[in-house]
Amino acid sequence: VTLSARFAYNSSFNKRLFTGNPFCWYAIAIVSVLQVTLTYIPGLNNKVFSMEDMTGSQWGIVALFMVVMFCVMETEKAMRRKLKMQGKDTDDNEPFIFDEDGAVEEQDGPLAPKGAS
């Protein structure tokens, strides 16, 4: 998901995926090490998080759905690019059912609430 979400509209099937931002690869490496560590450290995985070690087939399922999610996100971006070329609005800026009173509030100043750093 991290690799596909780096570009909002552009495809991730590009050399920029591998060369664009080295910090992305650092983040992926850190999260991968933490996930494997969390999964296999005795006491931490079964006492704190109440889980057991993952088998090879379970890791295979994780890898499969990682690829599926990547392809779904890339398909959505391709559809959004096509719709945008046809003049359709794909930015989701309009008020919708989940917006309060159907009105978009204009934000003055910083986006963080008062007191946040």
PDB file of N, CA and C in Angstrom:
ATOM      1  N   VAL A   1       0.839  -1.187   0.000  1.00  0.00           N
ATOM      2  CA  VAL A   1       0.000   0.000   0.000  1.00  0.00           C
ATOM      3  C   VAL A   1       0.882   1.247   0.000  1.00  0.00           C
ATOM      4  N   THR A   2       1.965   1.212   0.739  1.00  0.00           N
ATOM      5  CA  THR A   2       2.857   2.366   0.808  1.00  0.00           C
ATOM      6  C   THR A   2       3.386   2.734  -0.567  1.00  0.00           C
ATOM      7  N   LEU A   3       3.755   1.737  -1.353  1.00  0.00           N
ATOM      8  CA  LEU A   3       4.322   2.017  -2.673  1.00  0.00           C
ATOM      9  C   LEU A   3       3.294   2.594  -3.625  1.00  0.00           C
ATOM     10  N   SER A   4       2.068   2.096  -3.580  1.00  0.00           N
ATOM     11  CA  SER A   4       1.031   2.590  -4.483  1.00  0.00           C
ATOM     12  C   SER A   4       0.498   3.944  -4.034  1.00  0.00           C
ATOM     13  N   ALA A   5       0.424   4.170  -2.749  1.00  0.00           N
ATOM     14  CA  ALA A   5      -0.156   5.413  -2.223  1.00  0.00           C
ATOM     15  C   ALA A   5       0.787   6.604  -2.362  1.00  0.00           C
ATOM     16  N   ARG A   6       2.011   6.381  -2.779  1.00  0.00           N
ATOM     17  CA  ARG A   6       2.952   7.495  -2.935  1.00  0.00           C
ATOM     18  C   ARG A   6       2.514   8.471  -4.005  1.00  0.00           C
ATOM     19  N   PHE A   7       1.821   7.997  -5.015  1.00  0.00           N
ATOM     20  CA  PHE A   7       1.383   8.844  -6.119  1.00  0.00           C
ATOM     21  C   PHE A   7      -0.133   8.827  -6.158  1.00  0.00           C
ATOM     22  N   ALA A   8      -0.767   9.989  -6.063  1.00  0.00           N
ATOM     23  CA  ALA A   8      -2.226  10.057  -5.999  1.00  0.00           C
ATOM     24  C   ALA A   8      -2.877   9.693  -7.327  1.00  0.00           C
ATOM     25  N   TYR A   9      -2.352  10.175  -8.431  1.00  0.00           N
ATOM     26  CA  TYR A   9      -2.941   9.893  -9.745  1.00  0.00           C
ATOM     27  C   TYR A   9      -2.007   9.069 -10.632  1.00  0.00           C
ATOM     28  N   ASN A  10      -0.725   9.306 -10.531  1.00  0.00           N
ATOM     29  CA  ASN A  10       0.221   8.648 -11.428  1.00  0.00           C
ATOM     30  C   ASN A  10       0.403   7.184 -11.053  1.00  0.00           C
ATOM     31  N   SER A  11       0.702   6.392 -12.055  1.00  0.00           N
ATOM     32  CA  SER A  11       0.900   4.969 -11.836  1.00  0.00           C
ATOM     33  C   SER A  11       2.183   4.721 -11.055  1.00  0.00           C
ATOM     34  N   SER A  12       2.184   3.695 -10.242  1.00  0.00           N
ATOM     35  CA  SER A  12       3.383   3.306  -9.511  1.00  0.00           C
ATOM     36  C   SER A  12       4.249   2.364 -10.328  1.00  0.00           C
ATOM     37  N   PHE A  13       3.756   1.933 -11.484  1.00  0.00           N
ATOM     38  CA  PHE A  13       4.545   1.085 -12.373  1.00  0.00           C
ATOM     39  C   PHE A  13       5.502   1.979 -13.165  1.00  0.00           C
ATOM     40  N   ASN A  14       6.517   2.478 -12.461  1.00  0.00           N
ATOM     41  CA  ASN A  14       7.442   3.430 -13.025  1.00  0.00           C
ATOM     42  C   ASN A  14       8.751   3.310 -12.263  1.00  0.00           C
ATOM     43  N   LYS A  15       9.855   3.713 -12.889  1.00  0.00           N
ATOM     44  CA  LYS A  15      11.147   3.625 -12.197  1.00  0.00           C
ATOM     45  C   LYS A  15      11.215   4.552 -10.987  1.00  0.00           C
ATOM     46  N   ARG A  16      10.363   5.593 -10.959  1.00  0.00           N
ATOM     47  CA  ARG A  16      10.353   6.497  -9.799  1.00  0.00           C
ATOM     48  C   ARG A  16       9.968   5.762  -8.522  1.00  0.00           C
ATOM     49  N   LEU A  17       9.250   4.647  -8.665  1.00  0.00           N
ATOM     50  CA  LEU A  17       8.866   3.864  -7.495  1.00  0.00           C
ATOM     51  C   LEU A  17      10.111   3.406  -6.730  1.00  0.00           C
ATOM     52  N   PHE A  18      11.163   3.085  -7.465  1.00  0.00           N
ATOM     53  CA  PHE A  18      12.374   2.565  -6.843  1.00  0.00           C
ATOM     54  C   PHE A  18      13.428   3.629  -6.576  1.00  0.00           C
ATOM     55  N   THR A  19      13.348   4.755  -7.271  1.00  0.00           N
ATOM     56  CA  THR A  19      14.399   5.759  -7.136  1.00  0.00           C
ATOM     57  C   THR A  19      13.916   7.093  -6.591  1.00  0.00           C
ATOM     58  N   GLY A  20      12.616   7.295  -6.488  1.00  0.00           N
ATOM     59  CA  GLY A  20      12.075   8.604  -6.141  1.00  0.00           C
ATOM     60  C   GLY A  20      12.354   9.076  -4.731  1.00  0.00           C
ATOM     61  N   ASN A  21      12.170   8.230  -3.733  1.00  0.00           N
ATOM     62  CA  ASN A  21      12.276   8.673  -2.346  1.00  0.00           C
ATOM     63  C   ASN A  21      12.929   7.567  -1.521  1.00  0.00           C
ATOM     64  N   PRO A  22      14.188   7.715  -1.150  1.00  0.00           N
ATOM     65  CA  PRO A  22      14.856   6.666  -0.377  1.00  0.00           C
ATOM     66  C   PRO A  22      14.260   6.479   1.018  1.00  0.00           C
ATOM     67  N   PHE A  23      13.647   7.516   1.566  1.00  0.00           N
ATOM     68  CA  PHE A  23      13.069   7.397   2.903  1.00  0.00           C
ATOM     69  C   PHE A  23      11.882   6.444   2.920  1.00  0.00           C
ATOM     70  N   CYS A  24      11.207   6.302   1.788  1.00  0.00           N
ATOM     71  CA  CYS A  24      10.118   5.325   1.678  1.00  0.00           C
ATOM     72  C   CYS A  24      10.653   3.913   1.915  1.00  0.00           C
ATOM     73  N   TRP A  25      11.807   3.625   1.331  1.00  0.00           N
ATOM     74  CA  TRP A  25      12.397   2.295   1.516  1.00  0.00           C
ATOM     75  C   TRP A  25      12.858   2.076   2.952  1.00  0.00           C
ATOM     76  N   TYR A  26      13.353   3.135   3.597  1.00  0.00           N
ATOM     77  CA  TYR A  26      13.720   3.021   5.011  1.00  0.00           C
ATOM     78  C   TYR A  26      12.483   2.705   5.848  1.00  0.00           C
ATOM     79  N   ALA A  27      11.381   3.369   5.560  1.00  0.00           N
ATOM     80  CA  ALA A  27      10.137   3.136   6.300  1.00  0.00           C
ATOM     81  C   ALA A  27       9.640   1.709   6.089  1.00  0.00           C
ATOM     82  N   ILE A  28       9.709   1.211   4.864  1.00  0.00           N
ATOM     83  CA  ILE A  28       9.279  -0.158   4.581  1.00  0.00           C
ATOM     84  C   ILE A  28      10.159  -1.151   5.321  1.00  0.00           C
ATOM     85  N   ALA A  29      11.466  -0.903   5.336  1.00  0.00           N
ATOM     86  CA  ALA A  29      12.385  -1.810   6.041  1.00  0.00           C
ATOM     87  C   ALA A  29      12.106  -1.810   7.539  1.00  0.00           C
ATOM     88  N   ILE A  30      11.896  -0.632   8.120  1.00  0.00           N
ATOM     89  CA  ILE A  30      11.631  -0.542   9.562  1.00  0.00           C
ATOM     90  C   ILE A  30      10.336  -1.257   9.921  1.00  0.00           C
ATOM     91  N   VAL A  31       9.277  -1.017   9.153  1.00  0.00           N
ATOM     92  CA  VAL A  31       7.992  -1.661   9.440  1.00  0.00           C
ATOM     93  C   VAL A  31       8.101  -3.179   9.267  1.00  0.00           C
ATOM     94  N   SER A  32       8.833  -3.631   8.262  1.00  0.00           N
ATOM     95  CA  SER A  32       8.999  -5.076   8.047  1.00  0.00           C
ATOM     96  C   SER A  32       9.737  -5.724   9.213  1.00  0.00           C
ATOM     97  N   VAL A  33      10.821  -5.095   9.666  1.00  0.00           N
ATOM     98  CA  VAL A  33      11.577  -5.634  10.799  1.00  0.00           C
ATOM     99  C   VAL A  33      10.708  -5.653  12.055  1.00  0.00           C
ATOM    100  N   LEU A  34       9.964  -4.583  12.293  1.00  0.00           N
ATOM    101  CA  LEU A  34       9.088  -4.539  13.467  1.00  0.00           C
ATOM    102  C   LEU A  34       7.998  -5.609  13.395  1.00  0.00           C
ATOM    103  N   GLN A  35       7.430  -5.839  12.212  1.00  0.00           N
ATOM    104  CA  GLN A  35       6.378  -6.847  12.066  1.00  0.00           C
ATOM    105  C   GLN A  35       6.914  -8.244  12.335  1.00  0.00           C
ATOM    106  N   VAL A  36       8.054  -8.563  11.769  1.00  0.00           N
ATOM    107  CA  VAL A  36       8.640  -9.889  11.992  1.00  0.00           C
ATOM    108  C   VAL A  36       9.055 -10.042  13.454  1.00  0.00           C
ATOM    109  N   THR A  37       9.630  -8.990  14.033  1.00  0.00           N
ATOM    110  CA  THR A  37      10.026  -9.029  15.445  1.00  0.00           C
ATOM    111  C   THR A  37       8.809  -9.252  16.338  1.00  0.00           C
ATOM    112  N   LEU A  38       7.749  -8.512  16.091  1.00  0.00           N
ATOM    113  CA  LEU A  38       6.530  -8.644  16.873  1.00  0.00           C
ATOM    114  C   LEU A  38       5.934 -10.041  16.739  1.00  0.00           C
ATOM    115  N   THR A  39       6.031 -10.601  15.558  1.00  0.00           N
ATOM    116  CA  THR A  39       5.432 -11.913  15.303  1.00  0.00           C
ATOM    117  C   THR A  39       6.210 -13.043  15.971  1.00  0.00           C
ATOM    118  N   TYR A  40       7.521 -12.910  16.107  1.00  0.00           N
ATOM    119  CA  TYR A  40       8.321 -14.042  16.555  1.00  0.00           C
ATOM    120  C   TYR A  40       8.989 -13.897  17.919  1.00  0.00           C
ATOM    121  N   ILE A  41       8.888 -12.779  18.610  1.00  0.00           N
ATOM    122  CA  ILE A  41       9.487 -12.658  19.946  1.00  0.00           C
ATOM    123  C   ILE A  41       8.574 -13.350  20.950  1.00  0.00           C
ATOM    124  N   PRO A  42       9.082 -14.407  21.602  1.00  0.00           N
ATOM    125  CA  PRO A  42       8.254 -15.095  22.603  1.00  0.00           C
ATOM    126  C   PRO A  42       7.900 -14.145  23.752  1.00  0.00           C
ATOM    127  N   GLY A  43       6.702 -14.269  24.241  1.00  0.00           N
ATOM    128  CA  GLY A  43       6.234 -13.411  25.325  1.00  0.00           C
ATOM    129  C   GLY A  43       5.552 -12.172  24.786  1.00  0.00           C
ATOM    130  N   LEU A  44       6.169 -11.518  23.831  1.00  0.00           N
ATOM    131  CA  LEU A  44       5.558 -10.329  23.240  1.00  0.00           C
ATOM    132  C   LEU A  44       4.406 -10.732  22.332  1.00  0.00           C
ATOM    133  N   ASN A  45       4.626 -11.756  21.518  1.00  0.00           N
ATOM    134  CA  ASN A  45       3.565 -12.125  20.576  1.00  0.00           C
ATOM    135  C   ASN A  45       2.428 -12.902  21.224  1.00  0.00           C
ATOM    136  N   ASN A  46       2.715 -13.788  22.163  1.00  0.00           N
ATOM    137  CA  ASN A  46       1.630 -14.603  22.720  1.00  0.00           C
ATOM    138  C   ASN A  46       1.052 -14.060  24.025  1.00  0.00           C
ATOM    139  N   LYS A  47       1.800 -13.304  24.793  1.00  0.00           N
ATOM    140  CA  LYS A  47       1.274 -12.757  26.051  1.00  0.00           C
ATOM    141  C   LYS A  47       0.647 -11.378  25.855  1.00  0.00           C
ATOM    142  N   VAL A  48       1.352 -10.496  25.185  1.00  0.00           N
ATOM    143  CA  VAL A  48       0.880  -9.120  25.026  1.00  0.00           C
ATOM    144  C   VAL A  48      -0.191  -9.028  23.944  1.00  0.00           C
ATOM    145  N   PHE A  49       0.064  -9.644  22.776  1.00  0.00           N
ATOM    146  CA  PHE A  49      -0.846  -9.501  21.645  1.00  0.00           C
ATOM    147  C   PHE A  49      -1.696 -10.741  21.387  1.00  0.00           C
ATOM    148  N   SER A  50      -1.540 -11.789  22.189  1.00  0.00           N
ATOM    149  CA  SER A  50      -2.334 -13.027  22.082  1.00  0.00           C
ATOM    150  C   SER A  50      -2.354 -13.591  20.665  1.00  0.00           C
ATOM    151  N   MET A  51      -1.172 -13.762  20.093  1.00  0.00           N
ATOM    152  CA  MET A  51      -1.091 -14.350  18.763  1.00  0.00           C
ATOM    153  C   MET A  51       0.025 -15.379  18.723  1.00  0.00           C
ATOM    154  N   GLU A  52       0.001 -16.211  17.704  1.00  0.00           N
ATOM    155  CA  GLU A  52       1.014 -17.245  17.540  1.00  0.00           C
ATOM    156  C   GLU A  52       1.871 -16.931  16.331  1.00  0.00           C
ATOM    157  N   ASP A  53       2.989 -17.660  16.210  1.00  0.00           N
ATOM    158  CA  ASP A  53       3.849 -17.480  15.048  1.00  0.00           C
ATOM    159  C   ASP A  53       3.076 -17.776  13.772  1.00  0.00           C
ATOM    160  N   MET A  54       3.450 -17.101  12.682  1.00  0.00           N
ATOM    161  CA  MET A  54       2.798 -17.332  11.402  1.00  0.00           C
ATOM    162  C   MET A  54       3.548 -18.412  10.637  1.00  0.00           C
ATOM    163  N   THR A  55       2.793 -19.251   9.938  1.00  0.00           N
ATOM    164  CA  THR A  55       3.388 -20.293   9.107  1.00  0.00           C
ATOM    165  C   THR A  55       3.743 -19.713   7.747  1.00  0.00           C
ATOM    166  N   GLY A  56       4.449 -20.492   6.948  1.00  0.00           N
ATOM    167  CA  GLY A  56       4.809 -20.062   5.603  1.00  0.00           C
ATOM    168  C   GLY A  56       3.597 -19.789   4.738  1.00  0.00           C
ATOM    169  N   SER A  57       2.574 -20.630   4.866  1.00  0.00           N
ATOM    170  CA  SER A  57       1.373 -20.411   4.052  1.00  0.00           C
ATOM    171  C   SER A  57       0.645 -19.138   4.486  1.00  0.00           C
ATOM    172  N   GLN A  58       0.670 -18.812   5.768  1.00  0.00           N
ATOM    173  CA  GLN A  58       0.057 -17.564   6.228  1.00  0.00           C
ATOM    174  C   GLN A  58       0.809 -16.356   5.683  1.00  0.00           C
ATOM    175  N   TRP A  59       2.143 -16.411   5.664  1.00  0.00           N
ATOM    176  CA  TRP A  59       2.916 -15.328   5.065  1.00  0.00           C
ATOM    177  C   TRP A  59       2.616 -15.235   3.567  1.00  0.00           C
ATOM    178  N   GLY A  60       2.391 -16.373   2.919  1.00  0.00           N
ATOM    179  CA  GLY A  60       2.029 -16.373   1.504  1.00  0.00           C
ATOM    180  C   GLY A  60       0.705 -15.674   1.265  1.00  0.00           C
ATOM    181  N   ILE A  61      -0.263 -15.896   2.159  1.00  0.00           N
ATOM    182  CA  ILE A  61      -1.563 -15.221   2.045  1.00  0.00           C
ATOM    183  C   ILE A  61      -1.383 -13.716   2.215  1.00  0.00           C
ATOM    184  N   VAL A  62      -0.540 -13.321   3.158  1.00  0.00           N
ATOM    185  CA  VAL A  62      -0.256 -11.891   3.361  1.00  0.00           C
ATOM    186  C   VAL A  62       0.350 -11.292   2.093  1.00  0.00           C
ATOM    187  N   ALA A  63       1.325 -11.990   1.506  1.00  0.00           N
ATOM    188  CA  ALA A  63       1.967 -11.494   0.287  1.00  0.00           C
ATOM    189  C   ALA A  63       0.974 -11.427  -0.869  1.00  0.00           C
ATOM    190  N   LEU A  64       0.111 -12.436  -0.986  1.00  0.00           N
ATOM    191  CA  LEU A  64      -0.897 -12.452  -2.052  1.00  0.00           C
ATOM    192  C   LEU A  64      -1.821 -11.243  -1.944  1.00  0.00           C
ATOM    193  N   PHE A  65      -2.348 -10.988  -0.757  1.00  0.00           N
ATOM    194  CA  PHE A  65      -3.270  -9.876  -0.598  1.00  0.00           C
ATOM    195  C   PHE A  65      -2.567  -8.523  -0.674  1.00  0.00           C
ATOM    196  N   MET A  66      -1.259  -8.494  -0.397  1.00  0.00           N
ATOM    197  CA  MET A  66      -0.492  -7.279  -0.597  1.00  0.00           C
ATOM    198  C   MET A  66      -0.470  -6.939  -2.094  1.00  0.00           C
ATOM    199  N   VAL A  67      -0.240  -7.946  -2.926  1.00  0.00           N
ATOM    200  CA  VAL A  67      -0.230  -7.742  -4.378  1.00  0.00           C
ATOM    201  C   VAL A  67      -1.634  -7.378  -4.869  1.00  0.00           C
ATOM    202  N   VAL A  68      -2.656  -8.051  -4.342  1.00  0.00           N
ATOM    203  CA  VAL A  68      -4.038  -7.750  -4.741  1.00  0.00           C
ATOM    204  C   VAL A  68      -4.375  -6.300  -4.403  1.00  0.00           C
ATOM    205  N   MET A  69      -4.042  -5.842  -3.211  1.00  0.00           N
ATOM    206  CA  MET A  69      -4.339  -4.471  -2.803  1.00  0.00           C
ATOM    207  C   MET A  69      -3.590  -3.476  -3.676  1.00  0.00           C
ATOM    208  N   PHE A  70      -2.341  -3.761  -3.993  1.00  0.00           N
ATOM    209  CA  PHE A  70      -1.562  -2.894  -4.870  1.00  0.00           C
ATOM    210  C   PHE A  70      -2.250  -2.769  -6.231  1.00  0.00           C
ATOM    211  N   CYS A  71      -2.694  -3.892  -6.789  1.00  0.00           N
ATOM    212  CA  CYS A  71      -3.363  -3.876  -8.101  1.00  0.00           C
ATOM    213  C   CYS A  71      -4.699  -3.146  -8.049  1.00  0.00           C
ATOM    214  N   VAL A  72      -5.449  -3.318  -6.971  1.00  0.00           N
ATOM    215  CA  VAL A  72      -6.727  -2.612  -6.828  1.00  0.00           C
ATOM    216  C   VAL A  72      -6.492  -1.101  -6.775  1.00  0.00           C
ATOM    217  N   MET A  73      -5.489  -0.663  -6.011  1.00  0.00           N
ATOM    218  CA  MET A  73      -5.201   0.763  -5.912  1.00  0.00           C
ATOM    219  C   MET A  73      -4.727   1.323  -7.257  1.00  0.00           C
ATOM    220  N   GLU A  74      -3.935   0.558  -7.981  1.00  0.00           N
ATOM    221  CA  GLU A  74      -3.469   1.012  -9.292  1.00  0.00           C
ATOM    222  C   GLU A  74      -4.624   1.073 -10.291  1.00  0.00           C
ATOM    223  N   THR A  75      -5.566   0.138 -10.197  1.00  0.00           N
ATOM    224  CA  THR A  75      -6.744   0.160 -11.063  1.00  0.00           C
ATOM    225  C   THR A  75      -7.595   1.392 -10.771  1.00  0.00           C
ATOM    226  N   GLU A  76      -7.771   1.703  -9.483  1.00  0.00           N
ATOM    227  CA  GLU A  76      -8.537   2.903  -9.118  1.00  0.00           C
ATOM    228  C   GLU A  76      -7.878   4.157  -9.672  1.00  0.00           C
ATOM    229  N   LYS A  77      -6.557   4.252  -9.553  1.00  0.00           N
ATOM    230  CA  LYS A  77      -5.861   5.426 -10.078  1.00  0.00           C
ATOM    231  C   LYS A  77      -6.003   5.520 -11.591  1.00  0.00           C
ATOM    232  N   ALA A  78      -5.945   4.389 -12.290  1.00  0.00           N
ATOM    233  CA  ALA A  78      -6.120   4.398 -13.746  1.00  0.00           C
ATOM    234  C   ALA A  78      -7.518   4.874 -14.113  1.00  0.00           C
ATOM    235  N   MET A  79      -8.519   4.415 -13.365  1.00  0.00           N
ATOM    236  CA  MET A  79      -9.893   4.850 -13.629  1.00  0.00           C
ATOM    237  C   MET A  79     -10.039   6.349 -13.358  1.00  0.00           C
ATOM    238  N   ARG A  80      -9.436   6.837 -12.283  1.00  0.00           N
ATOM    239  CA  ARG A  80      -9.515   8.264 -11.966  1.00  0.00           C
ATOM    240  C   ARG A  80      -8.816   9.102 -13.030  1.00  0.00           C
ATOM    241  N   ARG A  81      -7.663   8.615 -13.551  1.00  0.00           N
ATOM    242  CA  ARG A  81      -6.981   9.345 -14.622  1.00  0.00           C
ATOM    243  C   ARG A  81      -7.851   9.408 -15.864  1.00  0.00           C
ATOM    244  N   LYS A  82      -8.489   8.280 -16.204  1.00  0.00           N
ATOM    245  CA  LYS A  82      -9.343   8.241 -17.394  1.00  0.00           C
ATOM    246  C   LYS A  82     -10.537   9.181 -17.236  1.00  0.00           C
ATOM    247  N   LEU A  83     -11.183   9.144 -16.080  1.00  0.00           N
ATOM    248  CA  LEU A  83     -12.323  10.024 -15.835  1.00  0.00           C
ATOM    249  C   LEU A  83     -11.911  11.492 -15.854  1.00  0.00           C
ATOM    250  N   LYS A  84     -10.742  11.788 -15.290  1.00  0.00           N
ATOM    251  CA  LYS A  84     -10.266  13.175 -15.275  1.00  0.00           C
ATOM    252  C   LYS A  84     -10.004  13.661 -16.699  1.00  0.00           C
ATOM    253  N   MET A  85      -9.484  12.792 -17.567  1.00  0.00           N
ATOM    254  CA  MET A  85      -9.248  13.171 -18.970  1.00  0.00           C
ATOM    255  C   MET A  85     -10.569  13.423 -19.693  1.00  0.00           C
ATOM    256  N   GLN A  86     -11.641  12.799 -19.235  1.00  0.00           N
ATOM    257  CA  GLN A  86     -12.956  13.013 -19.828  1.00  0.00           C
ATOM    258  C   GLN A  86     -13.663  14.233 -19.237  1.00  0.00           C
ATOM    259  N   GLY A  87     -12.983  14.928 -18.330  1.00  0.00           N
ATOM    260  CA  GLY A  87     -13.551  16.138 -17.757  1.00  0.00           C
ATOM    261  C   GLY A  87     -14.357  15.911 -16.495  1.00  0.00           C
ATOM    262  N   LYS A  88     -14.368  14.709 -15.974  1.00  0.00           N
ATOM    263  CA  LYS A  88     -15.109  14.408 -14.748  1.00  0.00           C
ATOM    264  C   LYS A  88     -14.299  14.864 -13.535  1.00  0.00           C
ATOM    265  N   ASP A  89     -15.010  15.162 -12.453  1.00  0.00           N
ATOM    266  CA  ASP A  89     -14.362  15.569 -11.215  1.00  0.00           C
ATOM    267  C   ASP A  89     -14.024  14.329 -10.403  1.00  0.00           C
ATOM    268  N   THR A  90     -12.753  14.143 -10.121  1.00  0.00           N
ATOM    269  CA  THR A  90     -12.328  12.984  -9.334  1.00  0.00           C
ATOM    270  C   THR A  90     -11.619  13.389  -8.047  1.00  0.00           C
ATOM    271  N   ASP A  91     -11.705  14.658  -7.674  1.00  0.00           N
ATOM    272  CA  ASP A  91     -10.963  15.150  -6.515  1.00  0.00           C
ATOM    273  C   ASP A  91     -11.705  15.016  -5.194  1.00  0.00           C
ATOM    274  N   ASP A  92     -13.004  14.723  -5.227  1.00  0.00           N
ATOM    275  CA  ASP A  92     -13.797  14.530  -4.017  1.00  0.00           C
ATOM    276  C   ASP A  92     -13.761  15.765  -3.114  1.00  0.00           C
ATOM    277  N   ASN A  93     -13.983  16.926  -3.715  1.00  0.00           N
ATOM    278  CA  ASN A  93     -14.016  18.168  -2.937  1.00  0.00           C
ATOM    279  C   ASN A  93     -15.425  18.619  -2.607  1.00  0.00           C
ATOM    280  N   GLU A  94     -16.430  17.992  -3.203  1.00  0.00           N
ATOM    281  CA  GLU A  94     -17.796  18.432  -2.994  1.00  0.00           C
ATOM    282  C   GLU A  94     -18.319  17.942  -1.649  1.00  0.00           C
ATOM    283  N   PRO A  95     -19.253  18.693  -1.054  1.00  0.00           N
ATOM    284  CA  PRO A  95     -19.881  18.210   0.173  1.00  0.00           C
ATOM    285  C   PRO A  95     -20.667  16.932  -0.116  1.00  0.00           C
ATOM    286  N   PHE A  96     -20.705  16.062   0.855  1.00  0.00           N
ATOM    287  CA  PHE A  96     -21.364  14.782   0.658  1.00  0.00           C
ATOM    288  C   PHE A  96     -22.127  14.407   1.912  1.00  0.00           C
ATOM    289  N   ILE A  97     -22.644  13.236   1.934  1.00  0.00           N
ATOM    290  CA  ILE A  97     -23.503  12.768   3.021  1.00  0.00           C
ATOM    291  C   ILE A  97     -22.801  12.808   4.381  1.00  0.00           C
ATOM    292  N   PHE A  98     -21.484  12.621   4.404  1.00  0.00           N
ATOM    293  CA  PHE A  98     -20.773  12.574   5.671  1.00  0.00           C
ATOM    294  C   PHE A  98     -20.330  13.954   6.156  1.00  0.00           C
ATOM    295  N   ASP A  99     -20.482  14.969   5.298  1.00  0.00           N
ATOM    296  CA  ASP A  99     -20.147  16.326   5.704  1.00  0.00           C
ATOM    297  C   ASP A  99     -21.301  16.903   6.521  1.00  0.00           C
ATOM    298  N   GLU A 100     -20.972  17.655   7.555  1.00  0.00           N
ATOM    299  CA  GLU A 100     -21.999  18.251   8.401  1.00  0.00           C
ATOM    300  C   GLU A 100     -22.787  19.292   7.619  1.00  0.00           C
ATOM    301  N   ASP A 101     -24.073  19.217   7.638  1.00  0.00           N
ATOM    302  CA  ASP A 101     -24.986  20.159   6.998  1.00  0.00           C
ATOM    303  C   ASP A 101     -24.735  20.314   5.500  1.00  0.00           C
ATOM    304  N   GLY A 102     -23.930  19.460   4.918  1.00  0.00           N
ATOM    305  CA  GLY A 102     -23.654  19.540   3.496  1.00  0.00           C
ATOM    306  C   GLY A 102     -22.833  20.749   3.108  1.00  0.00           C
ATOM    307  N   ALA A 103     -22.252  21.438   4.079  1.00  0.00           N
ATOM    308  CA  ALA A 103     -21.476  22.639   3.781  1.00  0.00           C
ATOM    309  C   ALA A 103     -19.999  22.382   4.040  1.00  0.00           C
ATOM    310  N   VAL A 104     -19.189  22.927   3.187  1.00  0.00           N
ATOM    311  CA  VAL A 104     -17.742  22.823   3.360  1.00  0.00           C
ATOM    312  C   VAL A 104     -17.277  24.055   4.119  1.00  0.00           C
ATOM    313  N   GLU A 105     -16.576  23.823   5.216  1.00  0.00           N
ATOM    314  CA  GLU A 105     -16.087  24.944   6.014  1.00  0.00           C
ATOM    315  C   GLU A 105     -14.785  25.464   5.426  1.00  0.00           C
ATOM    316  N   GLU A 106     -14.673  26.778   5.390  1.00  0.00           N
ATOM    317  CA  GLU A 106     -13.416  27.382   4.972  1.00  0.00           C
ATOM    318  C   GLU A 106     -12.500  27.412   6.183  1.00  0.00           C
ATOM    319  N   GLN A 107     -11.283  26.986   6.002  1.00  0.00           N
ATOM    320  CA  GLN A 107     -10.325  26.896   7.089  1.00  0.00           C
ATOM    321  C   GLN A 107      -9.417  28.111   7.060  1.00  0.00           C
ATOM    322  N   ASP A 108      -9.381  28.875   8.148  1.00  0.00           N
ATOM    323  CA  ASP A 108      -8.458  29.988   8.262  1.00  0.00           C
ATOM    324  C   ASP A 108      -7.308  29.556   9.143  1.00  0.00           C
ATOM    325  N   GLY A 109      -6.104  29.865   8.742  1.00  0.00           N
ATOM    326  CA  GLY A 109      -4.944  29.555   9.552  1.00  0.00           C
ATOM    327  C   GLY A 109      -4.529  28.102   9.409  1.00  0.00           C
ATOM    328  N   PRO A 110      -3.767  27.609  10.399  1.00  0.00           N
ATOM    329  CA  PRO A 110      -3.230  26.241  10.296  1.00  0.00           C
ATOM    330  C   PRO A 110      -4.343  25.197  10.418  1.00  0.00           C
ATOM    331  N   LEU A 111      -4.061  24.005   9.887  1.00  0.00           N
ATOM    332  CA  LEU A 111      -5.046  22.930   9.920  1.00  0.00           C
ATOM    333  C   LEU A 111      -5.084  22.206  11.264  1.00  0.00           C
ATOM    334  N   ALA A 112      -4.070  22.390  12.085  1.00  0.00           N
ATOM    335  CA  ALA A 112      -4.035  21.743  13.382  1.00  0.00           C
ATOM    336  C   ALA A 112      -4.907  22.493  14.376  1.00  0.00           C
ATOM    337  N   PRO A 113      -5.535  21.792  15.324  1.00  0.00           N
ATOM    338  CA  PRO A 113      -6.354  22.489  16.316  1.00  0.00           C
ATOM    339  C   PRO A 113      -5.491  23.318  17.262  1.00  0.00           C
ATOM    340  N   LYS A 114      -6.119  24.245  17.968  1.00  0.00           N
ATOM    341  CA  LYS A 114      -5.400  25.081  18.911  1.00  0.00           C
ATOM    342  C   LYS A 114      -4.733  24.204  19.961  1.00  0.00           C
ATOM    343  N   GLY A 115      -3.511  24.525  20.290  1.00  0.00           N
ATOM    344  CA  GLY A 115      -2.778  23.793  21.305  1.00  0.00           C
ATOM    345  C   GLY A 115      -1.986  22.635  20.753  1.00  0.00           C
ATOM    346  N   ALA A 116      -2.237  22.227  19.508  1.00  0.00           N
ATOM    347  CA  ALA A 116      -1.473  21.137  18.911  1.00  0.00           C
ATOM    348  C   ALA A 116      -0.162  21.691  18.369  1.00  0.00           C
ATOM    349  N   SER A 117       0.848  20.868  18.401  1.00  0.00           N
ATOM    350  CA  SER A 117       2.135  21.341  17.886  1.00  0.00           C
ATOM    351  C   SER A 117       2.389  20.809  16.517  1.00  0.00           C
TER     352      SER A 117
END
